[in-house]
């Protein structure tokens, strides 16, 4: 019976540790307008993206906006790499 008690106490310790980490870690979420703008930009991408590609595009866009350097605005230079 003693090994079962040790297993239960270690399981409770593990659960308590995970709860403490989850509570102490703040949720960094982008504002809703950033998510809306990124989703709208993903819809305009041609050729049309698949669902998983849209999610990756939106995640990268949100990361760009929340990193402190928003994506460039205005006219794009399409011959930039030529």
C-alpha atoms as a PDB file:
ATOM      1  CA  UNK A   1       0.000   0.000   0.000  1.00  0.00           C
ATOM      2  CA  UNK A   2       2.854   2.366   0.612  1.00  0.00           C
ATOM      3  CA  UNK A   3       3.883   2.676  -3.079  1.00  0.00           C
ATOM      4  CA  UNK A   4       0.309   3.673  -3.958  1.00  0.00           C
ATOM      5  CA  UNK A   5       0.369   6.500  -1.424  1.00  0.00           C
ATOM      6  CA  UNK A   6       3.666   7.771  -2.844  1.00  0.00           C
ATOM      7  CA  UNK A   7       2.246   7.676  -6.359  1.00  0.00           C
ATOM      8  CA  UNK A   8      -0.837   9.630  -5.315  1.00  0.00           C
ATOM      9  CA  UNK A   9       1.197  12.258  -3.493  1.00  0.00           C
ATOM     10  CA  UNK A  10       3.567  12.684  -6.449  1.00  0.00           C
ATOM     11  CA  UNK A  11       0.566  12.964  -8.787  1.00  0.00           C
ATOM     12  CA  UNK A  12      -0.974  15.646  -6.566  1.00  0.00           C
ATOM     13  CA  UNK A  13       2.362  17.479  -6.495  1.00  0.00           C
ATOM     14  CA  UNK A  14       2.555  17.336 -10.292  1.00  0.00           C
ATOM     15  CA  UNK A  15      -0.981  18.674 -10.694  1.00  0.00           C
ATOM     16  CA  UNK A  16      -0.376  21.459  -8.178  1.00  0.00           C
ATOM     17  CA  UNK A  17       2.849  22.444  -9.956  1.00  0.00           C
ATOM     18  CA  UNK A  18       1.132  22.585 -13.345  1.00  0.00           C
ATOM     19  CA  UNK A  19      -1.729  24.655 -11.957  1.00  0.00           C
ATOM     20  CA  UNK A  20       0.739  27.071 -10.358  1.00  0.00           C
ATOM     21  CA  UNK A  21       2.612  27.472 -13.652  1.00  0.00           C
ATOM     22  CA  UNK A  22      -0.630  27.989 -15.585  1.00  0.00           C
ATOM     23  CA  UNK A  23      -1.831  30.654 -13.159  1.00  0.00           C
ATOM     24  CA  UNK A  24       1.514  32.452 -12.991  1.00  0.00           C
ATOM     25  CA  UNK A  25       1.944  32.585 -16.785  1.00  0.00           C
ATOM     26  CA  UNK A  26      -0.010  35.488 -18.296  1.00  0.00           C
ATOM     27  CA  UNK A  27      -1.918  34.919 -21.506  1.00  0.00           C
ATOM     28  CA  UNK A  28      -0.482  37.099 -24.224  1.00  0.00           C
ATOM     29  CA  UNK A  29      -3.298  37.615 -26.682  1.00  0.00           C
ATOM     30  CA  UNK A  30      -3.415  40.080 -29.510  1.00  0.00           C
ATOM     31  CA  UNK A  31      -6.221  42.619 -29.611  1.00  0.00           C
ATOM     32  CA  UNK A  32      -9.241  41.573 -31.636  1.00  0.00           C
ATOM     33  CA  UNK A  33      -8.627  44.239 -34.274  1.00  0.00           C
ATOM     34  CA  UNK A  34      -5.173  42.780 -34.987  1.00  0.00           C
ATOM     35  CA  UNK A  35      -6.635  39.311 -35.467  1.00  0.00           C
ATOM     36  CA  UNK A  36      -9.345  40.733 -37.744  1.00  0.00           C
ATOM     37  CA  UNK A  37      -6.832  42.644 -39.858  1.00  0.00           C
ATOM     38  CA  UNK A  38      -4.584  39.600 -40.205  1.00  0.00           C
ATOM     39  CA  UNK A  39      -7.489  37.345 -41.145  1.00  0.00           C
ATOM     40  CA  UNK A  40      -8.641  39.894 -43.738  1.00  0.00           C
ATOM     41  CA  UNK A  41      -5.113  40.019 -45.160  1.00  0.00           C
ATOM     42  CA  UNK A  42      -5.012  36.215 -45.341  1.00  0.00           C
ATOM     43  CA  UNK A  43      -8.217  36.178 -47.371  1.00  0.00           C
ATOM     44  CA  UNK A  44      -6.684  38.559 -49.925  1.00  0.00           C
ATOM     45  CA  UNK A  45      -3.644  36.327 -50.571  1.00  0.00           C
ATOM     46  CA  UNK A  46      -3.613  34.800 -54.041  1.00  0.00           C
ATOM     47  CA  UNK A  47      -3.507  31.915 -54.886  1.00  0.00           C
ATOM     48  CA  UNK A  48      -6.070  30.975 -52.257  1.00  0.00           C
ATOM     49  CA  UNK A  49      -4.544  29.447 -49.150  1.00  0.00           C
ATOM     50  CA  UNK A  50      -5.617  26.177 -47.546  1.00  0.00           C
ATOM     51  CA  UNK A  51      -6.966  26.224 -43.987  1.00  0.00           C
ATOM     52  CA  UNK A  52      -3.663  25.306 -42.372  1.00  0.00           C
ATOM     53  CA  UNK A  53      -1.833  27.876 -44.491  1.00  0.00           C
ATOM     54  CA  UNK A  54      -4.340  30.557 -43.460  1.00  0.00           C
ATOM     55  CA  UNK A  55      -3.784  29.736 -39.798  1.00  0.00           C
ATOM     56  CA  UNK A  56      -0.001  29.939 -40.254  1.00  0.00           C
ATOM     57  CA  UNK A  57      -0.325  33.237 -42.143  1.00  0.00           C
ATOM     58  CA  UNK A  58      -2.536  34.707 -39.426  1.00  0.00           C
ATOM     59  CA  UNK A  59      -0.188  33.505 -36.681  1.00  0.00           C
ATOM     60  CA  UNK A  60       2.819  35.069 -38.420  1.00  0.00           C
ATOM     61  CA  UNK A  61       0.923  38.295 -39.041  1.00  0.00           C
ATOM     62  CA  UNK A  62      -0.126  38.526 -35.384  1.00  0.00           C
ATOM     63  CA  UNK A  63       3.460  37.855 -34.325  1.00  0.00           C
ATOM     64  CA  UNK A  64       4.653  40.672 -36.594  1.00  0.00           C
ATOM     65  CA  UNK A  65       2.096  43.118 -35.190  1.00  0.00           C
ATOM     66  CA  UNK A  66       2.681  42.241 -31.559  1.00  0.00           C
ATOM     67  CA  UNK A  67       6.487  42.261 -31.843  1.00  0.00           C
ATOM     68  CA  UNK A  68       6.430  46.041 -31.932  1.00  0.00           C
ATOM     69  CA  UNK A  69       7.141  46.349 -35.643  1.00  0.00           C
ATOM     70  CA  UNK A  70       3.953  46.256 -37.702  1.00  0.00           C
ATOM     71  CA  UNK A  71       4.123  45.102 -41.321  1.00  0.00           C
ATOM     72  CA  UNK A  72       4.903  47.869 -43.797  1.00  0.00           C
ATOM     73  CA  UNK A  73       1.980  49.810 -45.219  1.00  0.00           C
ATOM     74  CA  UNK A  74       1.491  51.466 -48.538  1.00  0.00           C
ATOM     75  CA  UNK A  75       2.523  50.426 -51.992  1.00  0.00           C
ATOM     76  CA  UNK A  76       4.575  47.265 -52.275  1.00  0.00           C
ATOM     77  CA  UNK A  77       7.682  47.122 -54.381  1.00  0.00           C
ATOM     78  CA  UNK A  78       7.305  43.940 -56.403  1.00  0.00           C
ATOM     79  CA  UNK A  79      10.682  44.239 -58.092  1.00  0.00           C
ATOM     80  CA  UNK A  80      12.528  44.527 -54.799  1.00  0.00           C
ATOM     81  CA  UNK A  81      14.541  41.309 -55.245  1.00  0.00           C
ATOM     82  CA  UNK A  82      15.441  41.722 -58.897  1.00  0.00           C
END
